[in-house]
Amino acid sequence: MDEKIKTLTESVDALVTDIMGPLRRKIINEPAFAGLYALLEEVELLIREEQQIDRQLAAQLFLVYSQLVTQSGYVYDKSPFVPHIGKMQGLIRKIFGGSLQNV
C-alpha cells in the first residue's frame, strides 16, 4: 500500500474511534466528522484511478455509515444525523463507485 494512503487510513481510523463512542450515545462529534470528511476528500483524490481499495478503509466507512443510520433510528429528532448520513453516502459513492453513479 502506498505510504500516503497508509497514513491517511491510520488517521481515518483514529477519527472513527473519536466518532463511534459519542455516536453510540446518539451524539454527533462534529469536529471529528469534519476531520473525517477532509481526510476522505484527500483519500478520494489519491485512489481515484485505483482498481483495489484498502479493506480496512472500506470497513471503517461502512461502520460509521451503518452506525449513523442505526443510531438515528433510536432518536425522535433525526435532524443531527441526516446531514451526516447524506455526506457519508456521497463520499462512499465518490470513493468506491464514482464511475458507476451514472449507470
N, C-alpha and C. Protein backbone atom coordinates (compact mmCIF):
# COMPACT_ATOMS: atom_id res chain seq x y z
N MET A 1 0.85 -1.18 0.00
CA MET A 1 0.00 0.00 0.00
C MET A 1 0.89 1.23 0.00
N ASP A 2 0.49 2.21 -0.77
CA ASP A 2 1.20 3.48 -0.83
C ASP A 2 1.29 4.07 0.57
N GLU A 3 2.44 4.64 0.90
CA GLU A 3 2.67 5.17 2.25
C GLU A 3 1.70 6.29 2.62
N LYS A 4 1.38 7.15 1.65
CA LYS A 4 0.43 8.25 1.90
C LYS A 4 -0.96 7.70 2.22
N ILE A 5 -1.40 6.70 1.47
CA ILE A 5 -2.70 6.08 1.73
C ILE A 5 -2.70 5.41 3.10
N LYS A 6 -1.60 4.75 3.42
CA LYS A 6 -1.50 4.08 4.73
C LYS A 6 -1.62 5.10 5.86
N THR A 7 -0.94 6.22 5.72
CA THR A 7 -1.00 7.27 6.74
C THR A 7 -2.42 7.83 6.85
N LEU A 8 -3.05 8.09 5.71
CA LEU A 8 -4.43 8.59 5.73
C LEU A 8 -5.39 7.58 6.35
N THR A 9 -5.21 6.31 6.04
CA THR A 9 -6.08 5.27 6.61
C THR A 9 -5.92 5.21 8.12
N GLU A 10 -4.69 5.37 8.61
CA GLU A 10 -4.46 5.39 10.06
C GLU A 10 -5.13 6.61 10.69
N SER A 11 -5.07 7.74 10.01
CA SER A 11 -5.73 8.96 10.52
C SER A 11 -7.25 8.79 10.53
N VAL A 12 -7.78 8.16 9.48
CA VAL A 12 -9.22 7.87 9.42
C VAL A 12 -9.60 6.96 10.59
N ASP A 13 -8.78 5.95 10.86
CA ASP A 13 -9.04 5.03 11.96
C ASP A 13 -9.13 5.77 13.29
N ALA A 14 -8.22 6.70 13.52
CA ALA A 14 -8.25 7.47 14.77
C ALA A 14 -9.52 8.30 14.88
N LEU A 15 -9.94 8.90 13.78
CA LEU A 15 -11.17 9.70 13.79
C LEU A 15 -12.41 8.83 13.98
N VAL A 16 -12.40 7.65 13.38
CA VAL A 16 -13.53 6.74 13.55
C VAL A 16 -13.68 6.38 15.03
N THR A 17 -12.56 6.18 15.71
CA THR A 17 -12.61 5.91 17.15
C THR A 17 -13.23 7.09 17.89
N ASP A 18 -12.87 8.31 17.50
CA ASP A 18 -13.43 9.51 18.13
C ASP A 18 -14.92 9.68 17.81
N ILE A 19 -15.35 9.15 16.70
CA ILE A 19 -16.76 9.27 16.28
C ILE A 19 -17.64 8.22 16.94
N MET A 20 -17.15 7.01 17.05
CA MET A 20 -18.00 5.89 17.45
C MET A 20 -18.50 5.96 18.89
N GLY A 21 -17.65 6.35 19.83
CA GLY A 21 -18.08 6.42 21.23
C GLY A 21 -19.28 7.35 21.41
N PRO A 22 -19.14 8.61 21.01
CA PRO A 22 -20.28 9.51 21.13
C PRO A 22 -21.49 9.07 20.29
N LEU A 23 -21.23 8.55 19.11
CA LEU A 23 -22.33 8.14 18.23
C LEU A 23 -23.19 7.07 18.89
N ARG A 24 -22.57 6.16 19.60
CA ARG A 24 -23.34 5.11 20.30
C ARG A 24 -24.18 5.68 21.43
N ARG A 25 -23.86 6.93 21.84
CA ARG A 25 -24.67 7.63 22.84
C ARG A 25 -25.59 8.64 22.16
N LYS A 26 -25.74 8.51 20.81
CA LYS A 26 -26.60 9.37 19.99
C LYS A 26 -26.11 10.81 19.95
N ILE A 27 -24.79 10.99 20.02
CA ILE A 27 -24.17 12.31 19.97
C ILE A 27 -23.29 12.38 18.74
N ILE A 28 -23.39 13.46 18.00
CA ILE A 28 -22.57 13.68 16.81
C ILE A 28 -21.34 14.48 17.22
N ASN A 29 -20.16 13.92 17.01
CA ASN A 29 -18.90 14.62 17.28
C ASN A 29 -18.55 15.42 16.02
N GLU A 30 -19.04 16.65 15.96
CA GLU A 30 -18.90 17.48 14.76
C GLU A 30 -17.44 17.68 14.34
N PRO A 31 -16.52 18.01 15.27
CA PRO A 31 -15.13 18.20 14.85
C PRO A 31 -14.52 16.92 14.25
N ALA A 32 -14.84 15.77 14.82
CA ALA A 32 -14.31 14.51 14.29
C ALA A 32 -14.89 14.22 12.90
N PHE A 33 -16.19 14.48 12.71
CA PHE A 33 -16.78 14.29 11.38
C PHE A 33 -16.16 15.24 10.36
N ALA A 34 -15.93 16.48 10.75
CA ALA A 34 -15.31 17.44 9.83
C ALA A 34 -13.91 16.96 9.42
N GLY A 35 -13.17 16.46 10.38
CA GLY A 35 -11.84 15.91 10.08
C GLY A 35 -11.92 14.70 9.17
N LEU A 36 -12.90 13.83 9.43
CA LEU A 36 -13.09 12.64 8.61
C LEU A 36 -13.41 13.03 7.17
N TYR A 37 -14.30 13.98 6.99
CA TYR A 37 -14.67 14.41 5.64
C TYR A 37 -13.46 14.97 4.89
N ALA A 38 -12.64 15.76 5.58
CA ALA A 38 -11.45 16.33 4.94
C ALA A 38 -10.48 15.22 4.52
N LEU A 39 -10.28 14.25 5.40
CA LEU A 39 -9.39 13.13 5.06
C LEU A 39 -9.94 12.30 3.91
N LEU A 40 -11.24 12.09 3.89
CA LEU A 40 -11.83 11.28 2.83
C LEU A 40 -11.74 11.97 1.48
N GLU A 41 -11.79 13.28 1.46
CA GLU A 41 -11.60 14.01 0.21
C GLU A 41 -10.17 13.78 -0.31
N GLU A 42 -9.20 13.79 0.61
CA GLU A 42 -7.82 13.50 0.22
C GLU A 42 -7.67 12.08 -0.29
N VAL A 43 -8.29 11.14 0.43
CA VAL A 43 -8.23 9.73 0.03
C VAL A 43 -8.81 9.57 -1.36
N GLU A 44 -9.94 10.19 -1.61
CA GLU A 44 -10.59 10.06 -2.92
C GLU A 44 -9.68 10.53 -4.04
N LEU A 45 -8.99 11.62 -3.83
CA LEU A 45 -8.07 12.13 -4.85
C LEU A 45 -6.92 11.17 -5.12
N LEU A 46 -6.43 10.53 -4.06
CA LEU A 46 -5.30 9.62 -4.21
C LEU A 46 -5.68 8.28 -4.84
N ILE A 47 -6.90 7.81 -4.58
CA ILE A 47 -7.25 6.47 -5.06
C ILE A 47 -8.22 6.50 -6.23
N ARG A 48 -8.44 7.64 -6.80
CA ARG A 48 -9.41 7.81 -7.88
C ARG A 48 -9.22 6.80 -9.01
N GLU A 49 -8.00 6.51 -9.38
CA GLU A 49 -7.74 5.61 -10.51
C GLU A 49 -7.39 4.18 -10.08
N GLU A 50 -7.41 3.91 -8.78
CA GLU A 50 -7.05 2.58 -8.29
C GLU A 50 -8.16 1.57 -8.57
N GLN A 51 -7.76 0.34 -8.83
CA GLN A 51 -8.72 -0.74 -9.05
C GLN A 51 -9.10 -1.42 -7.74
N GLN A 52 -8.19 -1.40 -6.77
CA GLN A 52 -8.45 -2.02 -5.48
C GLN A 52 -8.32 -0.97 -4.39
N ILE A 53 -9.15 -1.12 -3.38
CA ILE A 53 -9.18 -0.18 -2.27
C ILE A 53 -8.97 -0.95 -0.98
N ASP A 54 -8.25 -0.34 -0.06
CA ASP A 54 -7.90 -0.97 1.21
C ASP A 54 -9.14 -1.47 1.96
N ARG A 55 -9.11 -2.71 2.35
CA ARG A 55 -10.24 -3.33 3.05
C ARG A 55 -10.53 -2.65 4.39
N GLN A 56 -9.48 -2.26 5.10
CA GLN A 56 -9.67 -1.59 6.39
C GLN A 56 -10.42 -0.27 6.22
N LEU A 57 -10.06 0.47 5.18
CA LEU A 57 -10.75 1.74 4.91
C LEU A 57 -12.22 1.49 4.61
N ALA A 58 -12.51 0.50 3.79
CA ALA A 58 -13.89 0.17 3.46
C ALA A 58 -14.67 -0.19 4.72
N ALA A 59 -14.05 -0.99 5.59
CA ALA A 59 -14.72 -1.40 6.83
C ALA A 59 -15.01 -0.21 7.73
N GLN A 60 -14.06 0.72 7.83
CA GLN A 60 -14.25 1.90 8.67
C GLN A 60 -15.40 2.76 8.16
N LEU A 61 -15.45 2.96 6.86
CA LEU A 61 -16.52 3.79 6.29
C LEU A 61 -17.88 3.12 6.45
N PHE A 62 -17.93 1.82 6.24
CA PHE A 62 -19.19 1.10 6.43
C PHE A 62 -19.64 1.17 7.88
N LEU A 63 -18.69 1.04 8.81
CA LEU A 63 -19.02 1.10 10.24
C LEU A 63 -19.64 2.45 10.60
N VAL A 64 -19.01 3.53 10.18
CA VAL A 64 -19.53 4.86 10.51
C VAL A 64 -20.91 5.06 9.88
N TYR A 65 -21.02 4.74 8.60
CA TYR A 65 -22.31 4.93 7.91
C TYR A 65 -23.41 4.09 8.56
N SER A 66 -23.14 2.83 8.79
CA SER A 66 -24.19 1.95 9.34
C SER A 66 -24.57 2.37 10.76
N GLN A 67 -23.61 2.85 11.54
CA GLN A 67 -23.94 3.32 12.89
C GLN A 67 -24.74 4.62 12.86
N LEU A 68 -24.44 5.50 11.91
CA LEU A 68 -25.25 6.71 11.76
C LEU A 68 -26.70 6.34 11.50
N VAL A 69 -26.92 5.43 10.58
CA VAL A 69 -28.27 5.02 10.24
C VAL A 69 -28.93 4.32 11.43
N THR A 70 -28.22 3.43 12.06
CA THR A 70 -28.77 2.68 13.20
C THR A 70 -29.13 3.60 14.35
N GLN A 71 -28.20 4.45 14.75
CA GLN A 71 -28.44 5.32 15.91
C GLN A 71 -29.52 6.35 15.62
N SER A 72 -29.63 6.78 14.38
CA SER A 72 -30.70 7.75 14.06
C SER A 72 -32.07 7.11 14.23
N GLY A 73 -32.13 5.79 14.12
CA GLY A 73 -33.39 5.09 14.30
C GLY A 73 -33.87 5.07 15.75
N TYR A 74 -32.98 5.39 16.68
CA TYR A 74 -33.32 5.36 18.10
C TYR A 74 -33.70 6.71 18.67
N VAL A 75 -33.67 7.76 17.86
CA VAL A 75 -33.97 9.09 18.36
C VAL A 75 -35.17 9.68 17.64
N TYR A 76 -35.89 10.53 18.33
CA TYR A 76 -37.06 11.18 17.73
C TYR A 76 -36.62 12.24 16.73
N ASP A 77 -35.66 13.07 17.14
CA ASP A 77 -35.16 14.15 16.28
C ASP A 77 -33.96 13.64 15.48
N LYS A 78 -34.18 13.32 14.24
CA LYS A 78 -33.13 12.78 13.38
C LYS A 78 -32.30 13.87 12.71
N SER A 79 -32.66 15.13 12.92
CA SER A 79 -32.01 16.23 12.19
C SER A 79 -30.49 16.31 12.39
N PRO A 80 -29.94 15.95 13.55
CA PRO A 80 -28.47 15.99 13.64
C PRO A 80 -27.80 14.89 12.80
N PHE A 81 -28.51 13.82 12.54
CA PHE A 81 -27.94 12.67 11.85
C PHE A 81 -28.06 12.76 10.33
N VAL A 82 -29.15 13.33 9.85
CA VAL A 82 -29.47 13.32 8.42
C VAL A 82 -28.36 13.93 7.54
N PRO A 83 -27.80 15.10 7.90
CA PRO A 83 -26.75 15.64 7.03
C PRO A 83 -25.52 14.73 6.95
N HIS A 84 -25.20 14.08 8.06
CA HIS A 84 -24.03 13.21 8.07
C HIS A 84 -24.28 11.91 7.31
N ILE A 85 -25.49 11.41 7.37
CA ILE A 85 -25.83 10.22 6.59
C ILE A 85 -25.68 10.54 5.10
N GLY A 86 -26.21 11.67 4.68
CA GLY A 86 -26.10 12.08 3.28
C GLY A 86 -24.67 12.32 2.86
N LYS A 87 -23.90 12.98 3.71
CA LYS A 87 -22.50 13.26 3.39
C LYS A 87 -21.70 11.97 3.27
N MET A 88 -21.93 11.03 4.20
CA MET A 88 -21.22 9.74 4.13
C MET A 88 -21.62 8.97 2.88
N GLN A 89 -22.90 8.98 2.53
CA GLN A 89 -23.34 8.32 1.30
C GLN A 89 -22.60 8.88 0.10
N GLY A 90 -22.54 10.19 0.02
CA GLY A 90 -21.88 10.85 -1.10
C GLY A 90 -20.40 10.52 -1.18
N LEU A 91 -19.72 10.54 -0.04
CA LEU A 91 -18.29 10.24 -0.03
C LEU A 91 -18.02 8.78 -0.36
N ILE A 92 -18.85 7.90 0.16
CA ILE A 92 -18.68 6.47 -0.14
C ILE A 92 -18.87 6.23 -1.63
N ARG A 93 -19.89 6.83 -2.21
CA ARG A 93 -20.11 6.70 -3.65
C ARG A 93 -18.93 7.25 -4.43
N LYS A 94 -18.44 8.39 -4.00
CA LYS A 94 -17.33 9.04 -4.68
C LYS A 94 -16.06 8.18 -4.63
N ILE A 95 -15.80 7.59 -3.46
CA ILE A 95 -14.60 6.79 -3.27
C ILE A 95 -14.71 5.42 -3.95
N PHE A 96 -15.85 4.76 -3.79
CA PHE A 96 -15.95 3.38 -4.23
C PHE A 96 -16.67 3.17 -5.55
N GLY A 97 -17.44 4.13 -6.01
CA GLY A 97 -18.20 3.84 -7.20
C GLY A 97 -18.48 5.02 -8.08
N GLY A 98 -17.59 5.96 -8.10
CA GLY A 98 -17.81 7.18 -8.86
C GLY A 98 -18.23 6.93 -10.29
N SER A 99 -17.60 5.99 -10.96
CA SER A 99 -17.92 5.75 -12.36
C SER A 99 -19.25 5.02 -12.54
N LEU A 100 -19.74 4.40 -11.49
CA LEU A 100 -20.99 3.64 -11.58
C LEU A 100 -22.23 4.49 -11.28
N GLN A 101 -22.04 5.71 -10.81
CA GLN A 101 -23.16 6.53 -10.41
C GLN A 101 -24.09 6.89 -11.57
N ASN A 102 -23.56 6.93 -12.77
CA ASN A 102 -24.37 7.34 -13.92
C ASN A 102 -25.03 6.17 -14.63
N VAL A 103 -24.87 4.96 -14.10
CA VAL A 103 -25.44 3.77 -14.73
C VAL A 103 -26.91 3.69 -14.43
